[in-house]
Amino acid sequence: MSNRSRPSAAAVVAAIADLAAILIGLWILLYILDANRSNDFVDFVHDVASWLAGWSRDMFTVDPDWWQVMLNYGLAAVVYLAVGHAASRAVRRW
């Protein structure tokens, strides 16, 4: 297999960061749209996003609740993107 057809380590790091941010963003959207929490898919996305954003989930307490979810989970998504893509650039240079 040629090097062109294999993803680089940097691309894998960036993809993992992107996936984390997408899952967190999906939870924010599902929360704002008041998705049915007893649905298995919604429950799965919530569990994954809560685990990923565990460090920022209760950082800010504001009203209304949707703003708190957007702020706390959104912060985690932005940090995953920033750190993940910075790490990807560092791996690419290495």
N, C-alpha and C. Protein backbone atom coordinates (compact mmCIF):
# COMPACT_ATOMS: atom_id res chain seq x y z
N MET A 1 0.85 -1.17 0.00
CA MET A 1 0.00 0.00 0.00
C MET A 1 0.89 1.24 0.00
N SER A 2 0.60 2.16 -0.86
CA SER A 2 1.41 3.37 -0.94
C SER A 2 1.08 4.32 0.21
N ASN A 3 1.99 5.23 0.46
CA ASN A 3 1.78 6.20 1.54
C ASN A 3 0.61 7.13 1.25
N ARG A 4 0.30 7.34 -0.03
CA ARG A 4 -0.80 8.24 -0.38
C ARG A 4 -2.17 7.67 -0.02
N SER A 5 -2.29 6.36 0.00
CA SER A 5 -3.60 5.77 0.27
C SER A 5 -3.85 5.56 1.76
N ARG A 6 -2.84 5.67 2.59
CA ARG A 6 -3.02 5.51 4.04
C ARG A 6 -3.18 6.86 4.69
N PRO A 7 -4.08 6.95 5.64
CA PRO A 7 -4.20 8.24 6.36
C PRO A 7 -2.98 8.43 7.25
N SER A 8 -2.51 9.64 7.31
CA SER A 8 -1.38 9.94 8.18
C SER A 8 -1.83 9.99 9.63
N ALA A 9 -0.87 9.90 10.53
CA ALA A 9 -1.18 10.00 11.96
C ALA A 9 -1.83 11.35 12.26
N ALA A 10 -1.36 12.39 11.57
CA ALA A 10 -1.93 13.73 11.77
C ALA A 10 -3.40 13.77 11.36
N ALA A 11 -3.72 13.10 10.27
CA ALA A 11 -5.12 13.07 9.81
C ALA A 11 -6.00 12.30 10.79
N VAL A 12 -5.47 11.25 11.38
CA VAL A 12 -6.23 10.47 12.36
C VAL A 12 -6.49 11.31 13.61
N VAL A 13 -5.49 12.03 14.07
CA VAL A 13 -5.66 12.90 15.25
C VAL A 13 -6.73 13.96 14.97
N ALA A 14 -6.66 14.59 13.80
CA ALA A 14 -7.65 15.61 13.44
C ALA A 14 -9.04 15.00 13.33
N ALA A 15 -9.15 13.80 12.77
CA ALA A 15 -10.45 13.15 12.61
C ALA A 15 -11.07 12.81 13.96
N ILE A 16 -10.26 12.37 14.91
CA ILE A 16 -10.77 12.07 16.26
C ILE A 16 -11.29 13.33 16.94
N ALA A 17 -10.53 14.42 16.80
CA ALA A 17 -10.97 15.70 17.37
C ALA A 17 -12.27 16.16 16.72
N ASP A 18 -12.35 16.02 15.40
CA ASP A 18 -13.57 16.41 14.68
C ASP A 18 -14.76 15.57 15.13
N LEU A 19 -14.57 14.27 15.28
CA LEU A 19 -15.65 13.39 15.71
C LEU A 19 -16.15 13.76 17.10
N ALA A 20 -15.22 14.06 18.00
CA ALA A 20 -15.62 14.48 19.36
C ALA A 20 -16.46 15.76 19.30
N ALA A 21 -16.01 16.73 18.52
CA ALA A 21 -16.74 17.99 18.41
C ALA A 21 -18.11 17.79 17.74
N ILE A 22 -18.17 16.92 16.75
CA ILE A 22 -19.44 16.65 16.07
C ILE A 22 -20.44 16.01 17.04
N LEU A 23 -19.99 15.04 17.83
CA LEU A 23 -20.89 14.39 18.78
C LEU A 23 -21.39 15.37 19.84
N ILE A 24 -20.50 16.23 20.32
CA ILE A 24 -20.92 17.23 21.30
C ILE A 24 -21.89 18.22 20.65
N GLY A 25 -21.58 18.66 19.44
CA GLY A 25 -22.47 19.57 18.72
C GLY A 25 -23.83 18.95 18.45
N LEU A 26 -23.84 17.65 18.14
CA LEU A 26 -25.10 16.95 17.92
C LEU A 26 -25.93 16.93 19.19
N TRP A 27 -25.28 16.71 20.34
CA TRP A 27 -26.03 16.73 21.60
C TRP A 27 -26.63 18.11 21.87
N ILE A 28 -25.85 19.16 21.60
CA ILE A 28 -26.37 20.52 21.80
C ILE A 28 -27.62 20.72 20.94
N LEU A 29 -27.55 20.30 19.68
CA LEU A 29 -28.69 20.43 18.78
C LEU A 29 -29.89 19.63 19.27
N LEU A 30 -29.66 18.38 19.67
CA LEU A 30 -30.75 17.54 20.17
C LEU A 30 -31.37 18.14 21.42
N TYR A 31 -30.55 18.72 22.30
CA TYR A 31 -31.08 19.34 23.52
C TYR A 31 -31.94 20.56 23.18
N ILE A 32 -31.42 21.41 22.30
CA ILE A 32 -32.16 22.62 21.95
C ILE A 32 -33.47 22.27 21.26
N LEU A 33 -33.47 21.21 20.46
CA LEU A 33 -34.69 20.80 19.76
C LEU A 33 -35.60 19.94 20.64
N ASP A 34 -35.21 19.76 21.89
CA ASP A 34 -36.00 19.00 22.87
C ASP A 34 -36.29 17.57 22.39
N ALA A 35 -35.21 16.90 21.97
CA ALA A 35 -35.35 15.52 21.48
C ALA A 35 -35.80 14.60 22.61
N ASN A 36 -36.47 13.54 22.25
CA ASN A 36 -37.00 12.56 23.20
C ASN A 36 -35.84 11.83 23.88
N ARG A 37 -35.64 12.08 25.16
CA ARG A 37 -34.51 11.50 25.88
C ARG A 37 -34.64 10.01 26.12
N SER A 38 -35.82 9.45 25.92
CA SER A 38 -35.97 8.01 26.09
C SER A 38 -35.62 7.26 24.80
N ASN A 39 -35.34 7.99 23.73
CA ASN A 39 -34.89 7.38 22.48
C ASN A 39 -33.46 6.89 22.65
N ASP A 40 -33.18 5.68 22.17
CA ASP A 40 -31.85 5.08 22.36
C ASP A 40 -30.74 5.90 21.72
N PHE A 41 -30.98 6.43 20.52
CA PHE A 41 -29.96 7.22 19.84
C PHE A 41 -29.67 8.51 20.61
N VAL A 42 -30.71 9.19 21.03
CA VAL A 42 -30.55 10.44 21.79
C VAL A 42 -29.81 10.14 23.10
N ASP A 43 -30.17 9.06 23.75
CA ASP A 43 -29.51 8.67 25.01
C ASP A 43 -28.04 8.37 24.77
N PHE A 44 -27.73 7.68 23.67
CA PHE A 44 -26.33 7.37 23.34
C PHE A 44 -25.53 8.65 23.11
N VAL A 45 -26.07 9.55 22.30
CA VAL A 45 -25.37 10.81 22.01
C VAL A 45 -25.17 11.60 23.29
N HIS A 46 -26.19 11.64 24.16
CA HIS A 46 -26.06 12.36 25.43
C HIS A 46 -24.97 11.74 26.30
N ASP A 47 -24.93 10.41 26.40
CA ASP A 47 -23.92 9.75 27.22
C ASP A 47 -22.51 10.04 26.71
N VAL A 48 -22.32 9.96 25.40
CA VAL A 48 -20.99 10.21 24.82
C VAL A 48 -20.59 11.67 25.03
N ALA A 49 -21.51 12.59 24.74
CA ALA A 49 -21.21 14.02 24.90
C ALA A 49 -20.94 14.36 26.36
N SER A 50 -21.69 13.77 27.28
CA SER A 50 -21.46 14.03 28.71
C SER A 50 -20.10 13.52 29.14
N TRP A 51 -19.70 12.38 28.61
CA TRP A 51 -18.38 11.84 28.95
C TRP A 51 -17.28 12.74 28.39
N LEU A 52 -17.43 13.14 27.12
CA LEU A 52 -16.42 13.98 26.48
C LEU A 52 -16.33 15.37 27.13
N ALA A 53 -17.46 15.90 27.56
CA ALA A 53 -17.49 17.24 28.14
C ALA A 53 -17.56 17.21 29.66
N GLY A 54 -17.20 16.10 30.24
CA GLY A 54 -17.28 15.96 31.70
C GLY A 54 -16.53 17.04 32.45
N TRP A 55 -15.44 17.51 31.90
CA TRP A 55 -14.62 18.52 32.56
C TRP A 55 -15.23 19.92 32.47
N SER A 56 -16.12 20.14 31.49
CA SER A 56 -16.68 21.49 31.33
C SER A 56 -18.19 21.54 31.52
N ARG A 57 -18.80 20.41 31.77
CA ARG A 57 -20.26 20.30 31.79
C ARG A 57 -20.92 21.25 32.79
N ASP A 58 -20.33 21.47 33.93
CA ASP A 58 -20.92 22.35 34.96
C ASP A 58 -20.05 23.57 35.25
N MET A 59 -19.29 23.99 34.26
CA MET A 59 -18.37 25.11 34.47
C MET A 59 -19.12 26.42 34.69
N PHE A 60 -20.17 26.64 33.91
CA PHE A 60 -20.95 27.87 34.02
C PHE A 60 -22.39 27.51 34.36
N THR A 61 -22.98 28.26 35.27
CA THR A 61 -24.39 28.07 35.59
C THR A 61 -25.13 29.35 35.21
N VAL A 62 -25.88 29.25 34.13
CA VAL A 62 -26.62 30.40 33.62
C VAL A 62 -28.04 29.95 33.29
N ASP A 63 -28.92 30.91 33.12
CA ASP A 63 -30.28 30.62 32.68
C ASP A 63 -30.46 31.24 31.30
N PRO A 64 -31.25 30.69 30.48
CA PRO A 64 -32.01 29.45 30.57
C PRO A 64 -31.11 28.22 30.39
N ASP A 65 -31.70 27.05 30.62
CA ASP A 65 -30.94 25.80 30.57
C ASP A 65 -30.28 25.56 29.21
N TRP A 66 -30.97 25.89 28.12
CA TRP A 66 -30.38 25.65 26.80
C TRP A 66 -29.11 26.46 26.61
N TRP A 67 -29.05 27.65 27.19
CA TRP A 67 -27.85 28.49 27.10
C TRP A 67 -26.70 27.84 27.88
N GLN A 68 -27.02 27.27 29.03
CA GLN A 68 -26.01 26.59 29.83
C GLN A 68 -25.44 25.39 29.08
N VAL A 69 -26.31 24.61 28.44
CA VAL A 69 -25.85 23.46 27.66
C VAL A 69 -24.99 23.94 26.50
N MET A 70 -25.43 24.96 25.80
CA MET A 70 -24.65 25.48 24.67
C MET A 70 -23.28 25.99 25.12
N LEU A 71 -23.25 26.71 26.21
CA LEU A 71 -22.01 27.29 26.70
C LEU A 71 -21.04 26.22 27.19
N ASN A 72 -21.50 25.33 28.06
CA ASN A 72 -20.61 24.34 28.66
C ASN A 72 -20.18 23.26 27.67
N TYR A 73 -21.12 22.71 26.92
CA TYR A 73 -20.76 21.69 25.94
C TYR A 73 -20.05 22.31 24.74
N GLY A 74 -20.47 23.51 24.34
CA GLY A 74 -19.82 24.20 23.23
C GLY A 74 -18.37 24.51 23.52
N LEU A 75 -18.07 24.88 24.76
CA LEU A 75 -16.68 25.11 25.15
C LEU A 75 -15.85 23.86 24.95
N ALA A 76 -16.39 22.72 25.35
CA ALA A 76 -15.66 21.46 25.17
C ALA A 76 -15.43 21.17 23.69
N ALA A 77 -16.43 21.40 22.86
CA ALA A 77 -16.28 21.15 21.43
C ALA A 77 -15.19 22.03 20.82
N VAL A 78 -15.18 23.31 21.19
CA VAL A 78 -14.17 24.23 20.67
C VAL A 78 -12.77 23.82 21.14
N VAL A 79 -12.65 23.42 22.40
CA VAL A 79 -11.35 23.00 22.92
C VAL A 79 -10.87 21.74 22.21
N TYR A 80 -11.77 20.77 22.00
CA TYR A 80 -11.37 19.56 21.26
C TYR A 80 -10.88 19.91 19.86
N LEU A 81 -11.59 20.81 19.18
CA LEU A 81 -11.15 21.20 17.84
C LEU A 81 -9.80 21.90 17.87
N ALA A 82 -9.64 22.86 18.77
CA ALA A 82 -8.40 23.63 18.83
C ALA A 82 -7.21 22.75 19.21
N VAL A 83 -7.36 21.98 20.27
CA VAL A 83 -6.25 21.14 20.73
C VAL A 83 -5.98 20.01 19.74
N GLY A 84 -7.04 19.40 19.22
CA GLY A 84 -6.88 18.30 18.28
C GLY A 84 -6.18 18.73 17.00
N HIS A 85 -6.56 19.88 16.47
CA HIS A 85 -5.94 20.34 15.23
C HIS A 85 -4.53 20.90 15.48
N ALA A 86 -4.28 21.47 16.63
CA ALA A 86 -2.91 21.88 16.98
C ALA A 86 -2.02 20.65 17.12
N ALA A 87 -2.53 19.61 17.76
CA ALA A 87 -1.76 18.36 17.88
C ALA A 87 -1.55 17.73 16.51
N SER A 88 -2.53 17.81 15.65
CA SER A 88 -2.40 17.27 14.30
C SER A 88 -1.29 18.00 13.53
N ARG A 89 -1.23 19.31 13.65
CA ARG A 89 -0.17 20.06 12.98
C ARG A 89 1.19 19.70 13.56
N ALA A 90 1.25 19.51 14.87
CA ALA A 90 2.53 19.13 15.51
C ALA A 90 2.97 17.75 15.04
N VAL A 91 2.04 16.81 14.94
CA VAL A 91 2.37 15.47 14.46
C VAL A 91 2.82 15.52 13.01
N ARG A 92 2.18 16.33 12.21
CA ARG A 92 2.53 16.44 10.80
C ARG A 92 3.96 16.96 10.63
N ARG A 93 4.35 17.91 11.49
CA ARG A 93 5.71 18.47 11.41
C ARG A 93 6.77 17.51 11.93
N TRP A 94 6.36 16.64 12.82
CA TRP A 94 7.30 15.73 13.47
C TRP A 94 7.67 14.70 12.50
